Structure formats: C-alpha cells, structure tokens
Amino acid sequence: MRVLSILLIIALTACSGKTSETDEMTDTGVFVGQPFELEDIKPAASLFELITEEPLENIRVEGTVVEVCQTKGCWLTFDTNQDVNFRVTFLDYGFFVPKDLAGQKVVLEGMAWMETKSVNVLRHYAEDAGASDEEIAAITEDQVELLFEASGVYIF
C-alpha cells in the first residue's frame, strides 16, 4: 500500500508540471498546496446559498472536477448543478493540479466569492481548456462565476 501511495504522488506531481513543497500523502489521497483538516466540508453547490457580498474565507468544499487547464493545471472547474460556473485558481499561483483530474472528487480549502467575467477572459479560459476556434468565437456574453482561490486541494 505504501508503494502505491508513493507511486500516486509521483504520478500526480509529474503530471502537474510544478510540484509543491507541501505535497503530503495520506492513506487515501494526496494534498497539493497547504494541507488542511478534512472536517466541516460542505458540498460545492451549497456555496450558492452561503455566499453574500463578502467573500467566504477558510471554507472547505467537496466536489467533482469538470475540467482542468490543459496548459499547466493552473485552474479547474467544479460541477455544481447550477447555471453559474465554479472556477478554482490556486493561492499565489503557488501550485498546480494534474491536468487529468477531470471526473475526480477533490476537497478544496480557501476563499470563495462571486464575480462577473468578461468575454475576453472567458475566451482565454476556453483556449486554455483546448476549445476549438468555433467554440471560442461562440462566447459573446459576460458571465457571472463563483470563484474560489484554493490554498490547498485534497485529491482522493
């Protein structure tokens, strides 16, 4: 089991393109960024009920990754069953996640807030995700997003 855990962390950090000095293994997964307690975790969709005018700080949420930046692993999106995108970036650009993380469950710790993203920013994200020229050109309206800046990510 220990050998499998070591191979998992090697594979995860090799895929990310940049390792974090704080990667930490557990018996069931790996922390990327700053480790945190795996308690008081909320479902990602619950943030829509909790968020106000002020950012939510030091919150932990669990969800399924939908897509990851295919350039560096420098952002990801979550499935929330809502009409609002949930985009995650990483504190101080200090760590990245594996580019093949789509479909996996993770827990995030960090800060959440709502923001309107411009067409240009949305097109940049689409390009990072590997969208076609036609898909990028089809982005014609600003969009409200739930943003999350993670200080740490726990990958199951």
Protein backbone atom coordinates (compact mmCIF):
# COMPACT_ATOMS: atom_id res chain seq x y z
CA MET A 1 0.00 0.00 0.00
CA ARG A 2 2.83 2.41 0.84
CA VAL A 3 4.46 1.76 -2.56
CA LEU A 4 1.13 2.50 -4.27
CA SER A 5 0.84 5.79 -2.35
CA ILE A 6 4.37 6.80 -3.32
CA LEU A 7 3.67 5.99 -6.98
CA LEU A 8 0.45 8.03 -6.79
CA ILE A 9 2.20 11.15 -5.52
CA ILE A 10 4.98 10.78 -8.09
CA ALA A 11 2.41 10.48 -10.87
CA LEU A 12 0.36 13.41 -9.59
CA THR A 13 3.30 15.75 -9.23
CA ALA A 14 4.82 14.70 -12.56
CA CYS A 15 1.57 15.48 -14.36
CA SER A 16 1.23 18.87 -12.74
CA GLY A 17 4.37 20.31 -14.28
CA LYS A 18 5.20 22.04 -10.99
CA THR A 19 5.40 20.42 -7.62
CA SER A 20 4.50 21.98 -4.34
CA GLU A 21 6.89 21.76 -1.45
CA THR A 22 3.88 20.97 0.71
CA ASP A 23 2.53 17.90 -1.14
CA GLU A 24 1.53 15.45 1.58
CA MET A 25 0.24 11.90 1.24
CA THR A 26 -2.45 10.27 3.36
CA ASP A 27 -3.70 6.70 3.30
CA THR A 28 -6.48 7.63 0.88
CA GLY A 29 -5.17 10.56 -1.16
CA VAL A 30 -2.74 13.44 -1.51
CA PHE A 31 -2.73 17.11 -0.53
CA VAL A 32 -1.45 19.63 -3.05
CA GLY A 33 -0.67 23.08 -1.69
CA GLN A 34 -1.27 23.58 2.02
CA PRO A 35 -2.63 20.55 3.91
CA PHE A 36 -5.78 21.09 5.99
CA GLU A 37 -8.13 19.17 8.28
CA LEU A 38 -10.67 17.03 6.43
CA GLU A 39 -13.62 18.18 8.54
CA ASP A 40 -16.51 20.66 8.24
CA ILE A 41 -16.61 20.04 4.46
CA LYS A 42 -19.58 21.37 2.51
CA PRO A 43 -20.84 20.30 -0.92
CA ALA A 44 -19.71 22.75 -3.60
CA ALA A 45 -23.30 23.58 -4.60
CA SER A 46 -24.04 24.83 -1.06
CA LEU A 47 -21.78 27.86 -1.65
CA PHE A 48 -24.55 29.49 -3.70
CA GLU A 49 -26.71 29.59 -0.55
CA LEU A 50 -23.88 30.74 1.73
CA ILE A 51 -22.21 33.42 -0.34
CA THR A 52 -23.03 37.07 0.32
CA GLU A 53 -21.49 40.39 -0.69
CA GLU A 54 -18.37 39.46 1.28
CA PRO A 55 -16.04 36.59 0.33
CA LEU A 56 -16.28 33.38 2.33
CA GLU A 57 -12.88 32.70 3.87
CA ASN A 58 -11.33 29.46 5.12
CA ILE A 59 -14.14 27.36 3.73
CA ARG A 60 -13.83 23.72 2.71
CA VAL A 61 -15.89 22.30 -0.14
CA GLU A 62 -16.05 18.96 -1.90
CA GLY A 63 -16.98 18.37 -5.50
CA THR A 64 -16.21 16.72 -8.80
CA VAL A 65 -13.76 18.34 -11.18
CA VAL A 66 -15.24 19.08 -14.62
CA GLU A 67 -12.21 20.44 -16.46
CA VAL A 68 -8.62 21.47 -15.79
CA CYS A 69 -6.36 23.95 -17.55
CA GLN A 70 -4.57 21.83 -20.12
CA THR A 71 -1.66 24.26 -20.35
CA LYS A 72 -0.37 23.98 -16.76
CA GLY A 73 -3.09 22.69 -14.44
CA CYS A 74 -3.37 26.25 -13.07
CA TRP A 75 -7.20 26.24 -12.70
CA LEU A 76 -10.10 23.83 -12.58
CA THR A 77 -13.89 23.97 -12.67
CA PHE A 78 -16.38 22.17 -10.45
CA ASP A 79 -19.74 20.57 -11.19
CA THR A 80 -22.37 22.36 -9.08
CA ASN A 81 -25.63 21.52 -10.91
CA GLN A 82 -26.18 25.29 -11.19
CA ASP A 83 -26.25 27.71 -14.12
CA VAL A 84 -23.19 29.52 -12.75
CA ASN A 85 -19.62 28.41 -13.45
CA PHE A 86 -17.47 27.49 -10.45
CA ARG A 87 -13.82 28.26 -11.28
CA VAL A 88 -10.92 27.45 -8.95
CA THR A 89 -7.47 29.04 -9.01
CA PHE A 90 -4.60 28.45 -6.62
CA LEU A 91 -3.23 30.83 -3.99
CA ASP A 92 -0.35 32.95 -5.30
CA TYR A 93 -0.07 30.62 -8.33
CA GLY A 94 1.90 28.54 -5.84
CA PHE A 95 0.92 25.07 -7.04
CA PHE A 96 -0.88 23.33 -9.88
CA VAL A 97 -3.03 20.22 -10.12
CA PRO A 98 -2.67 17.29 -12.51
CA LYS A 99 -4.15 18.02 -15.93
CA ASP A 100 -6.01 14.68 -15.93
CA LEU A 101 -8.04 15.43 -12.79
CA ALA A 102 -11.42 15.80 -14.61
CA GLY A 103 -14.03 13.44 -13.17
CA GLN A 104 -12.28 13.04 -9.82
CA LYS A 105 -13.53 14.14 -6.42
CA VAL A 106 -11.48 16.70 -4.53
CA VAL A 107 -11.80 18.85 -1.43
CA LEU A 108 -10.72 22.49 -1.59
CA GLU A 109 -9.86 24.87 1.21
CA GLY A 110 -9.76 28.60 0.59
CA MET A 111 -11.85 31.66 -0.21
CA ALA A 112 -15.00 31.94 -2.38
CA TRP A 113 -16.75 34.95 -3.98
CA MET A 114 -18.95 35.88 -6.96
CA GLU A 115 -17.61 37.89 -9.91
CA THR A 116 -18.59 38.78 -13.48
CA LYS A 117 -16.07 37.58 -16.10
CA SER A 118 -15.64 39.43 -19.39
CA VAL A 119 -15.90 37.81 -22.81
CA ASN A 120 -12.11 38.17 -23.27
CA VAL A 121 -11.35 36.36 -20.02
CA LEU A 122 -13.89 33.62 -20.81
CA ARG A 123 -12.33 33.14 -24.26
CA HIS A 124 -8.88 32.87 -22.66
CA TYR A 125 -10.19 30.16 -20.30
CA ALA A 126 -11.76 28.31 -23.24
CA GLU A 127 -8.46 28.44 -25.13
CA ASP A 128 -6.62 27.07 -22.05
CA ALA A 129 -9.16 24.24 -21.89
CA GLY A 130 -8.42 23.28 -25.51
CA ALA A 131 -11.66 24.57 -27.06
CA SER A 132 -11.91 24.89 -30.84
CA ASP A 133 -11.80 28.28 -32.60
CA GLU A 134 -15.55 27.96 -33.22
CA GLU A 135 -16.29 27.30 -29.54
CA ILE A 136 -14.15 30.27 -28.52
CA ALA A 137 -15.86 32.57 -31.06
CA ALA A 138 -19.27 31.48 -29.74
CA ILE A 139 -18.52 33.16 -26.38
CA THR A 140 -20.23 36.52 -26.77
CA GLU A 141 -21.54 37.50 -23.33
CA ASP A 142 -20.04 38.24 -19.93
CA GLN A 143 -20.80 35.59 -17.32
CA VAL A 144 -21.24 35.54 -13.54
CA GLU A 145 -18.95 32.99 -11.92
CA LEU A 146 -18.41 31.63 -8.48
CA LEU A 147 -14.68 31.94 -7.91
CA PHE A 148 -12.60 30.02 -5.40
CA GLU A 149 -8.97 30.64 -4.55
CA ALA A 150 -7.67 27.42 -3.02
CA SER A 151 -4.81 27.36 -0.57
CA GLY A 152 -4.92 23.57 -0.66
CA VAL A 153 -6.50 20.72 -2.57
CA TYR A 154 -7.07 17.19 -1.35
CA ILE A 155 -7.23 14.66 -4.18
CA PHE A 156 -8.95 11.33 -3.37
